[in-house]
Amino acid sequence: MVEITVEWVDFAKAKLREIADYYIAVAGERTARTITGKIVAKTRRLARNPLSGQRELALEDQPHIYRRLVAGNYKIIYRVVIKTTEIVEIDDIFDCRQDPTAMFDALHESTAEPATTKQPTTL
């Protein structure tokens, strides 16, 4: 069995932090933890089944195959990277209520040289 690691690029971690900061300001820390916790929890399935998300059609013209999971109002954009082990790389967290072209622009900015770390556990 192939070992699968879920990693978050710095851009995606920053987006998760922005979501937390927004909800802390408008609804309180408990709500922020609930929403960001659901996003993080949704990504845990990727270690067992990295292809469980649907292909992200808005990013089909990209050189990588991007997939998505949905947690509430947020799309979790990721791709499977095969190195010495199989890695699921979380690339972006996107608010589905926004213009989808913003997702492309943000992802394009983040893919220069993505720094990665293991999955966040809490904020």
PDB file of N, CA and C in Angstrom:
ATOM      1  N   MET A   1       0.839  -1.190   0.000  1.00  0.00           N
ATOM      2  CA  MET A   1       0.000   0.000   0.000  1.00  0.00           C
ATOM      3  C   MET A   1       0.880   1.248   0.000  1.00  0.00           C
ATOM      4  N   VAL A   2       0.551   2.195  -0.827  1.00  0.00           N
ATOM      5  CA  VAL A   2       1.310   3.430  -0.952  1.00  0.00           C
ATOM      6  C   VAL A   2       0.991   4.346   0.219  1.00  0.00           C
ATOM      7  N   GLU A   3       2.038   4.921   0.795  1.00  0.00           N
ATOM      8  CA  GLU A   3       1.844   5.891   1.875  1.00  0.00           C
ATOM      9  C   GLU A   3       1.430   7.216   1.258  1.00  0.00           C
ATOM     10  N   ILE A   4       0.350   7.788   1.755  1.00  0.00           N
ATOM     11  CA  ILE A   4      -0.158   9.051   1.226  1.00  0.00           C
ATOM     12  C   ILE A   4      -0.091  10.107   2.319  1.00  0.00           C
ATOM     13  N   THR A   5       0.507  11.228   1.985  1.00  0.00           N
ATOM     14  CA  THR A   5       0.644  12.350   2.905  1.00  0.00           C
ATOM     15  C   THR A   5      -0.186  13.512   2.377  1.00  0.00           C
ATOM     16  N   VAL A   6      -0.910  14.182   3.250  1.00  0.00           N
ATOM     17  CA  VAL A   6      -1.652  15.388   2.880  1.00  0.00           C
ATOM     18  C   VAL A   6      -0.832  16.586   3.340  1.00  0.00           C
ATOM     19  N   GLU A   7      -0.476  17.449   2.402  1.00  0.00           N
ATOM     20  CA  GLU A   7       0.303  18.647   2.710  1.00  0.00           C
ATOM     21  C   GLU A   7      -0.455  19.883   2.238  1.00  0.00           C
ATOM     22  N   TRP A   8      -0.279  20.959   2.961  1.00  0.00           N
ATOM     23  CA  TRP A   8      -0.901  22.233   2.606  1.00  0.00           C
ATOM     24  C   TRP A   8       0.196  23.190   2.136  1.00  0.00           C
ATOM     25  N   VAL A   9       0.020  23.809   0.971  1.00  0.00           N
ATOM     26  CA  VAL A   9       0.968  24.837   0.547  1.00  0.00           C
ATOM     27  C   VAL A   9       0.707  26.069   1.410  1.00  0.00           C
ATOM     28  N   ASP A  10       1.705  26.925   1.520  1.00  0.00           N
ATOM     29  CA  ASP A  10       1.576  28.116   2.359  1.00  0.00           C
ATOM     30  C   ASP A  10       0.396  28.989   1.947  1.00  0.00           C
ATOM     31  N   PHE A  11       0.133  29.073   0.646  1.00  0.00           N
ATOM     32  CA  PHE A  11      -0.987  29.877   0.153  1.00  0.00           C
ATOM     33  C   PHE A  11      -2.306  29.374   0.731  1.00  0.00           C
ATOM     34  N   ALA A  12      -2.520  28.064   0.722  1.00  0.00           N
ATOM     35  CA  ALA A  12      -3.765  27.491   1.245  1.00  0.00           C
ATOM     36  C   ALA A  12      -3.879  27.707   2.753  1.00  0.00           C
ATOM     37  N   LYS A  13      -2.742  27.570   3.464  1.00  0.00           N
ATOM     38  CA  LYS A  13      -2.768  27.828   4.910  1.00  0.00           C
ATOM     39  C   LYS A  13      -3.124  29.278   5.189  1.00  0.00           C
ATOM     40  N   ALA A  14      -2.609  30.195   4.371  1.00  0.00           N
ATOM     41  CA  ALA A  14      -2.922  31.613   4.541  1.00  0.00           C
ATOM     42  C   ALA A  14      -4.403  31.872   4.279  1.00  0.00           C
ATOM     43  N   LYS A  15      -4.971  31.205   3.281  1.00  0.00           N
ATOM     44  CA  LYS A  15      -6.395  31.360   2.996  1.00  0.00           C
ATOM     45  C   LYS A  15      -7.243  30.842   4.169  1.00  0.00           C
ATOM     46  N   LEU A  16      -6.836  29.726   4.741  1.00  0.00           N
ATOM     47  CA  LEU A  16      -7.546  29.186   5.899  1.00  0.00           C
ATOM     48  C   LEU A  16      -7.473  30.164   7.068  1.00  0.00           C
ATOM     49  N   ARG A  17      -6.333  30.764   7.264  1.00  0.00           N
ATOM     50  CA  ARG A  17      -6.158  31.769   8.325  1.00  0.00           C
ATOM     51  C   ARG A  17      -7.045  32.990   8.064  1.00  0.00           C
ATOM     52  N   GLU A  18      -7.136  33.432   6.784  1.00  0.00           N
ATOM     53  CA  GLU A  18      -8.006  34.561   6.426  1.00  0.00           C
ATOM     54  C   GLU A  18      -9.468  34.246   6.752  1.00  0.00           C
ATOM     55  N   ILE A  19      -9.879  33.028   6.449  1.00  0.00           N
ATOM     56  CA  ILE A  19     -11.250  32.612   6.751  1.00  0.00           C
ATOM     57  C   ILE A  19     -11.481  32.659   8.255  1.00  0.00           C
ATOM     58  N   ALA A  20     -10.529  32.138   9.022  1.00  0.00           N
ATOM     59  CA  ALA A  20     -10.642  32.162  10.478  1.00  0.00           C
ATOM     60  C   ALA A  20     -10.704  33.592  10.993  1.00  0.00           C
ATOM     61  N   ASP A  21      -9.812  34.449  10.520  1.00  0.00           N
ATOM     62  CA  ASP A  21      -9.795  35.840  10.975  1.00  0.00           C
ATOM     63  C   ASP A  21     -11.106  36.559  10.662  1.00  0.00           C
ATOM     64  N   TYR A  22     -11.648  36.293   9.482  1.00  0.00           N
ATOM     65  CA  TYR A  22     -12.916  36.916   9.102  1.00  0.00           C
ATOM     66  C   TYR A  22     -14.025  36.500  10.070  1.00  0.00           C
ATOM     67  N   TYR A  23     -14.154  35.204  10.315  1.00  0.00           N
ATOM     68  CA  TYR A  23     -15.234  34.744  11.187  1.00  0.00           C
ATOM     69  C   TYR A  23     -15.008  35.118  12.650  1.00  0.00           C
ATOM     70  N   ILE A  24     -13.764  35.223  13.073  1.00  0.00           N
ATOM     71  CA  ILE A  24     -13.500  35.722  14.431  1.00  0.00           C
ATOM     72  C   ILE A  24     -14.038  37.138  14.564  1.00  0.00           C
ATOM     73  N   ALA A  25     -13.804  37.965  13.527  1.00  0.00           N
ATOM     74  CA  ALA A  25     -14.240  39.365  13.560  1.00  0.00           C
ATOM     75  C   ALA A  25     -15.755  39.517  13.486  1.00  0.00           C
ATOM     76  N   VAL A  26     -16.433  38.695  12.679  1.00  0.00           N
ATOM     77  CA  VAL A  26     -17.868  38.911  12.480  1.00  0.00           C
ATOM     78  C   VAL A  26     -18.771  37.988  13.296  1.00  0.00           C
ATOM     79  N   ALA A  27     -18.254  36.836  13.729  1.00  0.00           N
ATOM     80  CA  ALA A  27     -19.143  35.890  14.402  1.00  0.00           C
ATOM     81  C   ALA A  27     -18.547  35.270  15.660  1.00  0.00           C
ATOM     82  N   GLY A  28     -17.267  35.496  15.906  1.00  0.00           N
ATOM     83  CA  GLY A  28     -16.652  34.964  17.116  1.00  0.00           C
ATOM     84  C   GLY A  28     -15.750  33.775  16.856  1.00  0.00           C
ATOM     85  N   GLU A  29     -14.911  33.504  17.850  1.00  0.00           N
ATOM     86  CA  GLU A  29     -13.902  32.455  17.727  1.00  0.00           C
ATOM     87  C   GLU A  29     -14.518  31.065  17.589  1.00  0.00           C
ATOM     88  N   ARG A  30     -15.593  30.818  18.293  1.00  0.00           N
ATOM     89  CA  ARG A  30     -16.223  29.488  18.219  1.00  0.00           C
ATOM     90  C   ARG A  30     -16.701  29.186  16.790  1.00  0.00           C
ATOM     91  N   THR A  31     -17.348  30.147  16.158  1.00  0.00           N
ATOM     92  CA  THR A  31     -17.807  29.973  14.776  1.00  0.00           C
ATOM     93  C   THR A  31     -16.627  29.797  13.836  1.00  0.00           C
ATOM     94  N   ALA A  32     -15.587  30.586  14.056  1.00  0.00           N
ATOM     95  CA  ALA A  32     -14.382  30.469  13.217  1.00  0.00           C
ATOM     96  C   ALA A  32     -13.786  29.071  13.327  1.00  0.00           C
ATOM     97  N   ARG A  33     -13.696  28.555  14.532  1.00  0.00           N
ATOM     98  CA  ARG A  33     -13.155  27.198  14.730  1.00  0.00           C
ATOM     99  C   ARG A  33     -14.035  26.136  14.078  1.00  0.00           C
ATOM    100  N   THR A  34     -15.337  26.320  14.182  1.00  0.00           N
ATOM    101  CA  THR A  34     -16.264  25.352  13.580  1.00  0.00           C
ATOM    102  C   THR A  34     -16.092  25.312  12.066  1.00  0.00           C
ATOM    103  N   ILE A  35     -16.081  26.471  11.434  1.00  0.00           N
ATOM    104  CA  ILE A  35     -15.988  26.530   9.972  1.00  0.00           C
ATOM    105  C   ILE A  35     -14.635  26.028   9.486  1.00  0.00           C
ATOM    106  N   THR A  36     -13.552  26.508  10.079  1.00  0.00           N
ATOM    107  CA  THR A  36     -12.229  26.059   9.626  1.00  0.00           C
ATOM    108  C   THR A  36     -11.999  24.601   9.997  1.00  0.00           C
ATOM    109  N   GLY A  37     -12.565  24.166  11.117  1.00  0.00           N
ATOM    110  CA  GLY A  37     -12.447  22.764  11.505  1.00  0.00           C
ATOM    111  C   GLY A  37     -13.106  21.839  10.493  1.00  0.00           C
ATOM    112  N   LYS A  38     -14.251  22.255   9.948  1.00  0.00           N
ATOM    113  CA  LYS A  38     -14.933  21.460   8.928  1.00  0.00           C
ATOM    114  C   LYS A  38     -14.099  21.385   7.645  1.00  0.00           C
ATOM    115  N   ILE A  39     -13.434  22.479   7.310  1.00  0.00           N
ATOM    116  CA  ILE A  39     -12.588  22.481   6.115  1.00  0.00           C
ATOM    117  C   ILE A  39     -11.435  21.498   6.296  1.00  0.00           C
ATOM    118  N   VAL A  40     -10.747  21.595   7.427  1.00  0.00           N
ATOM    119  CA  VAL A  40      -9.610  20.711   7.686  1.00  0.00           C
ATOM    120  C   VAL A  40     -10.071  19.257   7.768  1.00  0.00           C
ATOM    121  N   ALA A  41     -11.179  19.017   8.453  1.00  0.00           N
ATOM    122  CA  ALA A  41     -11.686  17.649   8.599  1.00  0.00           C
ATOM    123  C   ALA A  41     -11.995  17.029   7.242  1.00  0.00           C
ATOM    124  N   LYS A  42     -12.521  17.817   6.338  1.00  0.00           N
ATOM    125  CA  LYS A  42     -12.863  17.307   5.002  1.00  0.00           C
ATOM    126  C   LYS A  42     -11.622  16.793   4.273  1.00  0.00           C
ATOM    127  N   THR A  43     -10.469  17.409   4.515  1.00  0.00           N
ATOM    128  CA  THR A  43      -9.247  17.007   3.810  1.00  0.00           C
ATOM    129  C   THR A  43      -8.648  15.714   4.353  1.00  0.00           C
ATOM    130  N   ARG A  44      -9.048  15.301   5.540  1.00  0.00           N
ATOM    131  CA  ARG A  44      -8.466  14.093   6.132  1.00  0.00           C
ATOM    132  C   ARG A  44      -8.767  12.842   5.322  1.00  0.00           C
ATOM    133  N   ARG A  45      -9.891  12.832   4.628  1.00  0.00           N
ATOM    134  CA  ARG A  45     -10.246  11.674   3.806  1.00  0.00           C
ATOM    135  C   ARG A  45      -9.259  11.450   2.669  1.00  0.00           C
ATOM    136  N   LEU A  46      -8.534  12.499   2.291  1.00  0.00           N
ATOM    137  CA  LEU A  46      -7.620  12.400   1.153  1.00  0.00           C
ATOM    138  C   LEU A  46      -6.455  11.456   1.411  1.00  0.00           C
ATOM    139  N   ALA A  47      -6.095  11.246   2.663  1.00  0.00           N
ATOM    140  CA  ALA A  47      -5.018  10.309   2.984  1.00  0.00           C
ATOM    141  C   ALA A  47      -5.437   8.873   2.662  1.00  0.00           C
ATOM    142  N   ARG A  48      -6.716   8.589   2.734  1.00  0.00           N
ATOM    143  CA  ARG A  48      -7.226   7.251   2.409  1.00  0.00           C
ATOM    144  C   ARG A  48      -7.658   7.142   0.954  1.00  0.00           C
ATOM    145  N   ASN A  49      -8.219   8.221   0.422  1.00  0.00           N
ATOM    146  CA  ASN A  49      -8.760   8.189  -0.931  1.00  0.00           C
ATOM    147  C   ASN A  49      -8.469   9.513  -1.630  1.00  0.00           C
ATOM    148  N   PRO A  50      -7.271   9.670  -2.191  1.00  0.00           N
ATOM    149  CA  PRO A  50      -6.877  10.953  -2.768  1.00  0.00           C
ATOM    150  C   PRO A  50      -7.677  11.372  -4.001  1.00  0.00           C
ATOM    151  N   LEU A  51      -8.365  10.454  -4.639  1.00  0.00           N
ATOM    152  CA  LEU A  51      -9.138  10.804  -5.824  1.00  0.00           C
ATOM    153  C   LEU A  51     -10.625  10.977  -5.517  1.00  0.00           C
ATOM    154  N   SER A  52     -10.960  11.142  -4.239  1.00  0.00           N
ATOM    155  CA  SER A  52     -12.369  11.231  -3.851  1.00  0.00           C
ATOM    156  C   SER A  52     -13.030  12.525  -4.301  1.00  0.00           C
ATOM    157  N   GLY A  53     -12.263  13.576  -4.500  1.00  0.00           N
ATOM    158  CA  GLY A  53     -12.842  14.834  -4.959  1.00  0.00           C
ATOM    159  C   GLY A  53     -13.072  14.831  -6.459  1.00  0.00           C
ATOM    160  N   GLN A  54     -14.030  15.629  -6.894  1.00  0.00           N
ATOM    161  CA  GLN A  54     -14.297  15.760  -8.322  1.00  0.00           C
ATOM    162  C   GLN A  54     -13.232  16.623  -8.985  1.00  0.00           C
ATOM    163  N   ARG A  55     -13.026  16.410 -10.277  1.00  0.00           N
ATOM    164  CA  ARG A  55     -12.105  17.270 -11.018  1.00  0.00           C
ATOM    165  C   ARG A  55     -12.670  18.677 -11.050  1.00  0.00           C
ATOM    166  N   GLU A  56     -11.789  19.663 -10.894  1.00  0.00           N
ATOM    167  CA  GLU A  56     -12.205  21.067 -10.924  1.00  0.00           C
ATOM    168  C   GLU A  56     -12.182  21.539 -12.372  1.00  0.00           C
ATOM    169  N   LEU A  57     -13.353  21.618 -12.974  1.00  0.00           N
ATOM    170  CA  LEU A  57     -13.471  21.940 -14.388  1.00  0.00           C
ATOM    171  C   LEU A  57     -12.974  23.350 -14.714  1.00  0.00           C
ATOM    172  N   ALA A  58     -13.089  24.261 -13.767  1.00  0.00           N
ATOM    173  CA  ALA A  58     -12.641  25.637 -14.011  1.00  0.00           C
ATOM    174  C   ALA A  58     -11.126  25.723 -14.171  1.00  0.00           C
ATOM    175  N   LEU A  59     -10.408  24.665 -13.783  1.00  0.00           N
ATOM    176  CA  LEU A  59      -8.945  24.671 -13.868  1.00  0.00           C
ATOM    177  C   LEU A  59      -8.423  23.620 -14.849  1.00  0.00           C
ATOM    178  N   GLU A  60      -9.266  23.180 -15.781  1.00  0.00           N
ATOM    179  CA  GLU A  60      -8.866  22.141 -16.731  1.00  0.00           C
ATOM    180  C   GLU A  60      -7.720  22.547 -17.641  1.00  0.00           C
ATOM    181  N   ASP A  61      -7.556  23.833 -17.886  1.00  0.00           N
ATOM    182  CA  ASP A  61      -6.490  24.278 -18.788  1.00  0.00           C
ATOM    183  C   ASP A  61      -5.132  24.396 -18.095  1.00  0.00           C
ATOM    184  N   GLN A  62      -5.053  24.028 -16.842  1.00  0.00           N
ATOM    185  CA  GLN A  62      -3.803  24.080 -16.084  1.00  0.00           C
ATOM    186  C   GLN A  62      -2.949  22.846 -16.378  1.00  0.00           C
ATOM    187  N   PRO A  63      -1.648  22.918 -16.144  1.00  0.00           N
ATOM    188  CA  PRO A  63      -0.787  21.763 -16.429  1.00  0.00           C
ATOM    189  C   PRO A  63      -0.986  20.590 -15.464  1.00  0.00           C
ATOM    190  N   HIS A  64      -1.602  20.820 -14.327  1.00  0.00           N
ATOM    191  CA  HIS A  64      -1.865  19.762 -13.350  1.00  0.00           C
ATOM    192  C   HIS A  64      -3.354  19.446 -13.343  1.00  0.00           C
ATOM    193  N   ILE A  65      -3.697  18.276 -12.868  1.00  0.00           N
ATOM    194  CA  ILE A  65      -5.109  17.926 -12.693  1.00  0.00           C
ATOM    195  C   ILE A  65      -5.502  18.331 -11.275  1.00  0.00           C
ATOM    196  N   TYR A  66      -6.364  19.316 -11.186  1.00  0.00           N
ATOM    197  CA  TYR A  66      -6.844  19.781  -9.891  1.00  0.00           C
ATOM    198  C   TYR A  66      -8.184  19.139  -9.586  1.00  0.00           C
ATOM    199  N   ARG A  67      -8.376  18.823  -8.317  1.00  0.00           N
ATOM    200  CA  ARG A  67      -9.620  18.244  -7.842  1.00  0.00           C
ATOM    201  C   ARG A  67     -10.168  19.154  -6.748  1.00  0.00           C
ATOM    202  N   ARG A  68     -11.406  18.888  -6.338  1.00  0.00           N
ATOM    203  CA  ARG A  68     -12.017  19.737  -5.305  1.00  0.00           C
ATOM    204  C   ARG A  68     -12.853  18.912  -4.351  1.00  0.00           C
ATOM    205  N   LEU A  69     -12.894  19.396  -3.134  1.00  0.00           N
ATOM    206  CA  LEU A  69     -13.849  18.955  -2.129  1.00  0.00           C
ATOM    207  C   LEU A  69     -14.621  20.204  -1.724  1.00  0.00           C
ATOM    208  N   VAL A  70     -15.824  20.038  -1.249  1.00  0.00           N
ATOM    209  CA  VAL A  70     -16.612  21.188  -0.814  1.00  0.00           C
ATOM    210  C   VAL A  70     -16.919  21.022   0.667  1.00  0.00           C
ATOM    211  N   ALA A  71     -16.655  22.083   1.421  1.00  0.00           N
ATOM    212  CA  ALA A  71     -16.974  22.129   2.850  1.00  0.00           C
ATOM    213  C   ALA A  71     -17.742  23.424   3.082  1.00  0.00           C
ATOM    214  N   GLY A  72     -19.046  23.327   3.241  1.00  0.00           N
ATOM    215  CA  GLY A  72     -19.869  24.527   3.395  1.00  0.00           C
ATOM    216  C   GLY A  72     -19.808  25.371   2.132  1.00  0.00           C
ATOM    217  N   ASN A  73     -19.433  26.639   2.304  1.00  0.00           N
ATOM    218  CA  ASN A  73     -19.317  27.553   1.165  1.00  0.00           C
ATOM    219  C   ASN A  73     -17.940  27.539   0.516  1.00  0.00           C
ATOM    220  N   TYR A  74     -17.084  26.627   0.905  1.00  0.00           N
ATOM    221  CA  TYR A  74     -15.696  26.660   0.466  1.00  0.00           C
ATOM    222  C   TYR A  74     -15.303  25.448  -0.354  1.00  0.00           C
ATOM    223  N   LYS A  75     -14.589  25.714  -1.446  1.00  0.00           N
ATOM    224  CA  LYS A  75     -13.980  24.657  -2.245  1.00  0.00           C
ATOM    225  C   LYS A  75     -12.564  24.472  -1.752  1.00  0.00           C
ATOM    226  N   ILE A  76     -12.171  23.248  -1.580  1.00  0.00           N
ATOM    227  CA  ILE A  76     -10.799  22.907  -1.229  1.00  0.00           C
ATOM    228  C   ILE A  76     -10.176  22.398  -2.521  1.00  0.00           C
ATOM    229  N   ILE A  77      -9.237  23.135  -3.048  1.00  0.00           N
ATOM    230  CA  ILE A  77      -8.602  22.797  -4.323  1.00  0.00           C
ATOM    231  C   ILE A  77      -7.320  22.035  -4.014  1.00  0.00           C
ATOM    232  N   TYR A  78      -7.161  20.867  -4.635  1.00  0.00           N
ATOM    233  CA  TYR A  78      -5.968  20.068  -4.375  1.00  0.00           C
ATOM    234  C   TYR A  78      -5.546  19.312  -5.616  1.00  0.00           C
ATOM    235  N   ARG A  79      -4.350  18.759  -5.553  1.00  0.00           N
ATOM    236  CA  ARG A  79      -3.863  17.888  -6.619  1.00  0.00           C
ATOM    237  C   ARG A  79      -3.051  16.774  -5.990  1.00  0.00           C
ATOM    238  N   VAL A  80      -2.947  15.673  -6.701  1.00  0.00           N
ATOM    239  CA  VAL A  80      -2.160  14.545  -6.237  1.00  0.00           C
ATOM    240  C   VAL A  80      -0.800  14.645  -6.908  1.00  0.00           C
ATOM    241  N   VAL A  81       0.250  14.632  -6.099  1.00  0.00           N
ATOM    242  CA  VAL A  81       1.621  14.747  -6.584  1.00  0.00           C
ATOM    243  C   VAL A  81       2.329  13.437  -6.266  1.00  0.00           C
ATOM    244  N   ILE A  82       2.923  12.841  -7.268  1.00  0.00           N
ATOM    245  CA  ILE A  82       3.631  11.584  -7.026  1.00  0.00           C
ATOM    246  C   ILE A  82       5.127  11.870  -7.008  1.00  0.00           C
ATOM    247  N   LYS A  83       5.726  11.643  -5.850  1.00  0.00           N
ATOM    248  CA  LYS A  83       7.171  11.771  -5.656  1.00  0.00           C
ATOM    249  C   LYS A  83       7.652  10.395  -5.215  1.00  0.00           C
ATOM    250  N   THR A  84       8.426  10.297  -4.153  1.00  0.00           N
ATOM    251  CA  THR A  84       8.801   8.981  -3.639  1.00  0.00           C
ATOM    252  C   THR A  84       7.615   8.338  -2.935  1.00  0.00           C
ATOM    253  N   THR A  85       6.732   9.163  -2.411  1.00  0.00           N
ATOM    254  CA  THR A  85       5.450   8.699  -1.876  1.00  0.00           C
ATOM    255  C   THR A  85       4.373   9.531  -2.557  1.00  0.00           C
ATOM    256  N   GLU A  86       3.163   9.119  -2.432  1.00  0.00           N
ATOM    257  CA  GLU A  86       2.070   9.876  -3.017  1.00  0.00           C
ATOM    258  C   GLU A  86       1.684  10.986  -2.050  1.00  0.00           C
ATOM    259  N   ILE A  87       1.586  12.204  -2.564  1.00  0.00           N
ATOM    260  CA  ILE A  87       1.273  13.368  -1.734  1.00  0.00           C
ATOM    261  C   ILE A  87       0.021  14.039  -2.284  1.00  0.00           C
ATOM    262  N   VAL A  88      -0.893  14.360  -1.396  1.00  0.00           N
ATOM    263  CA  VAL A  88      -2.032  15.193  -1.754  1.00  0.00           C
ATOM    264  C   VAL A  88      -1.672  16.598  -1.305  1.00  0.00           C
ATOM    265  N   GLU A  89      -1.639  17.524  -2.244  1.00  0.00           N
ATOM    266  CA  GLU A  89      -1.225  18.892  -1.958  1.00  0.00           C
ATOM    267  C   GLU A  89      -2.437  19.802  -1.985  1.00  0.00           C
ATOM    268  N   ILE A  90      -2.785  20.384  -0.840  1.00  0.00           N
ATOM    269  CA  ILE A  90      -3.886  21.337  -0.755  1.00  0.00           C
ATOM    270  C   ILE A  90      -3.350  22.669  -1.261  1.00  0.00           C
ATOM    271  N   ASP A  91      -3.924  23.174  -2.357  1.00  0.00           N
ATOM    272  CA  ASP A  91      -3.397  24.371  -3.009  1.00  0.00           C
ATOM    273  C   ASP A  91      -4.188  25.638  -2.728  1.00  0.00           C
ATOM    274  N   ASP A  92      -5.468  25.533  -2.417  1.00  0.00           N
ATOM    275  CA  ASP A  92      -6.267  26.738  -2.234  1.00  0.00           C
ATOM    276  C   ASP A  92      -7.538  26.388  -1.486  1.00  0.00           C
ATOM    277  N   ILE A  93      -8.086  27.361  -0.790  1.00  0.00           N
ATOM    278  CA  ILE A  93      -9.418  27.298  -0.214  1.00  0.00           C
ATOM    279  C   ILE A  93     -10.158  28.460  -0.855  1.00  0.00           C
ATOM    280  N   PHE A  94     -11.242  28.171  -1.543  1.00  0.00           N
ATOM    281  CA  PHE A  94     -11.915  29.182  -2.339  1.00  0.00           C
ATOM    282  C   PHE A  94     -13.371  29.310  -1.922  1.00  0.00           C
ATOM    283  N   ASP A  95     -13.812  30.533  -1.658  1.00  0.00           N
ATOM    284  CA  ASP A  95     -15.206  30.791  -1.306  1.00  0.00           C
ATOM    285  C   ASP A  95     -16.044  30.660  -2.571  1.00  0.00           C
ATOM    286  N   CYS A  96     -16.942  29.694  -2.595  1.00  0.00           N
ATOM    287  CA  CYS A  96     -17.760  29.410  -3.778  1.00  0.00           C
ATOM    288  C   CYS A  96     -18.681  30.562  -4.154  1.00  0.00           C
ATOM    289  N   ARG A  97     -18.860  31.511  -3.269  1.00  0.00           N
ATOM    290  CA  ARG A  97     -19.735  32.653  -3.569  1.00  0.00           C
ATOM    291  C   ARG A  97     -19.013  33.725  -4.362  1.00  0.00           C
ATOM    292  N   GLN A  98     -17.711  33.530  -4.632  1.00  0.00           N
ATOM    293  CA  GLN A  98     -16.921  34.502  -5.386  1.00  0.00           C
ATOM    294  C   GLN A  98     -16.903  34.151  -6.866  1.00  0.00           C
ATOM    295  N   ASP A  99     -16.415  35.087  -7.669  1.00  0.00           N
ATOM    296  CA  ASP A  99     -16.231  34.879  -9.101  1.00  0.00           C
ATOM    297  C   ASP A  99     -15.178  33.790  -9.309  1.00  0.00           C
ATOM    298  N   PRO A 100     -15.485  32.727 -10.074  1.00  0.00           N
ATOM    299  CA  PRO A 100     -14.530  31.632 -10.260  1.00  0.00           C
ATOM    300  C   PRO A 100     -13.209  32.052 -10.898  1.00  0.00           C
ATOM    301  N   THR A 101     -13.198  33.164 -11.625  1.00  0.00           N
ATOM    302  CA  THR A 101     -11.920  33.602 -12.205  1.00  0.00           C
ATOM    303  C   THR A 101     -10.934  34.002 -11.112  1.00  0.00           C
ATOM    304  N   ALA A 102     -11.441  34.398  -9.958  1.00  0.00           N
ATOM    305  CA  ALA A 102     -10.560  34.723  -8.832  1.00  0.00           C
ATOM    306  C   ALA A 102      -9.814  33.486  -8.369  1.00  0.00           C
ATOM    307  N   MET A 103     -10.455  32.320  -8.466  1.00  0.00           N
ATOM    308  CA  MET A 103      -9.806  31.067  -8.080  1.00  0.00           C
ATOM    309  C   MET A 103      -8.627  30.792  -9.009  1.00  0.00           C
ATOM    310  N   PHE A 104      -8.826  30.983 -10.299  1.00  0.00           N
ATOM    311  CA  PHE A 104      -7.751  30.765 -11.258  1.00  0.00           C
ATOM    312  C   PHE A 104      -6.599  31.722 -10.989  1.00  0.00           C
ATOM    313  N   ASP A 105      -6.910  33.015 -10.795  1.00  0.00           N
ATOM    314  CA  ASP A 105      -5.872  34.015 -10.553  1.00  0.00           C
ATOM    315  C   ASP A 105      -5.078  33.696  -9.295  1.00  0.00           C
ATOM    316  N   ALA A 106      -5.772  33.344  -8.219  1.00  0.00           N
ATOM    317  CA  ALA A 106      -5.104  33.048  -6.957  1.00  0.00           C
ATOM    318  C   ALA A 106      -4.242  31.800  -7.080  1.00  0.00           C
ATOM    319  N   LEU A 107      -4.750  30.790  -7.737  1.00  0.00           N
ATOM    320  CA  LEU A 107      -3.989  29.553  -7.894  1.00  0.00           C
ATOM    321  C   LEU A 107      -2.765  29.781  -8.759  1.00  0.00           C
ATOM    322  N   HIS A 108      -2.918  30.582  -9.783  1.00  0.00           N
ATOM    323  CA  HIS A 108      -1.795  30.897 -10.668  1.00  0.00           C
ATOM    324  C   HIS A 108      -0.675  31.590  -9.878  1.00  0.00           C
ATOM    325  N   GLU A 109      -1.046  32.494  -8.973  1.00  0.00           N
ATOM    326  CA  GLU A 109      -0.063  33.190  -8.139  1.00  0.00           C
ATOM    327  C   GLU A 109       0.639  32.230  -7.189  1.00  0.00           C
ATOM    328  N   SER A 110      -0.092  31.246  -6.691  1.00  0.00           N
ATOM    329  CA  SER A 110       0.454  30.376  -5.647  1.00  0.00           C
ATOM    330  C   SER A 110       1.322  29.248  -6.164  1.00  0.00           C
ATOM    331  N   THR A 111       1.351  28.987  -7.453  1.00  0.00           N
ATOM    332  CA  THR A 111       2.047  27.810  -7.962  1.00  0.00           C
ATOM    333  C   THR A 111       3.472  28.076  -8.407  1.00  0.00           C
ATOM    334  N   ALA A 112       4.018  29.231  -8.137  1.00  0.00           N
ATOM    335  CA  ALA A 112       5.396  29.519  -8.530  1.00  0.00           C
ATOM    336  C   ALA A 112       6.360  28.515  -7.910  1.00  0.00           C
ATOM    337  N   GLU A 113       6.569  28.527  -6.637  1.00  0.00           N
ATOM    338  CA  GLU A 113       7.393  27.568  -5.891  1.00  0.00           C
ATOM    339  C   GLU A 113       6.702  27.302  -4.572  1.00  0.00           C
ATOM    340  N   PRO A 114       5.684  26.423  -4.562  1.00  0.00           N
ATOM    341  CA  PRO A 114       4.899  26.256  -3.341  1.00  0.00           C
ATOM    342  C   PRO A 114       5.693  25.606  -2.210  1.00  0.00           C
ATOM    343  N   ALA A 115       5.664  26.251  -1.073  1.00  0.00           N
ATOM    344  CA  ALA A 115       6.236  25.663   0.136  1.00  0.00           C
ATOM    345  C   ALA A 115       5.140  24.847   0.791  1.00  0.00           C
ATOM    346  N   THR A 116       5.464  23.685   1.288  1.00  0.00           N
ATOM    347  CA  THR A 116       4.440  22.834   1.861  1.00  0.00           C
ATOM    348  C   THR A 116       4.778  22.437   3.278  1.00  0.00           C
ATOM    349  N   THR A 117       3.744  22.167   4.035  1.00  0.00           N
ATOM    350  CA  THR A 117       3.895  21.609   5.369  1.00  0.00           C
ATOM    351  C   THR A 117       2.779  20.596   5.561  1.00  0.00           C
ATOM    352  N   LYS A 118       2.887  19.830   6.594  1.00  0.00           N
ATOM    353  CA  LYS A 118       1.851  18.834   6.876  1.00  0.00           C
ATOM    354  C   LYS A 118       0.527  19.535   7.192  1.00  0.00           C
ATOM    355  N   GLN A 119      -0.519  18.758   7.205  1.00  0.00           N
ATOM    356  CA  GLN A 119      -1.871  19.251   7.392  1.00  0.00           C
ATOM    357  C   GLN A 119      -2.019  19.984   8.716  1.00  0.00           C
ATOM    358  N   PRO A 120      -2.678  21.179   8.687  1.00  0.00           N
ATOM    359  CA  PRO A 120      -2.933  21.868   9.952  1.00  0.00           C
ATOM    360  C   PRO A 120      -3.949  21.082  10.774  1.00  0.00           C
ATOM    361  N   THR A 121      -3.800  21.116  12.075  1.00  0.00           N
ATOM    362  CA  THR A 121      -4.739  20.402  12.921  1.00  0.00           C
ATOM    363  C   THR A 121      -5.785  21.340  13.475  1.00  0.00           C
ATOM    364  N   THR A 122      -5.394  22.537  13.896  1.00  0.00           N
ATOM    365  CA  THR A 122      -6.346  23.529  14.396  1.00  0.00           C
ATOM    366  C   THR A 122      -5.777  24.898  14.126  1.00  0.00           C
ATOM    367  N   LEU A 123      -6.619  25.887  14.313  1.00  0.00           N
ATOM    368  CA  LEU A 123      -6.159  27.282  14.194  1.00  0.00           C
ATOM    369  C   LEU A 123      -6.188  27.936  15.541  1.00  0.00           C
TER     370      LEU A 123
END
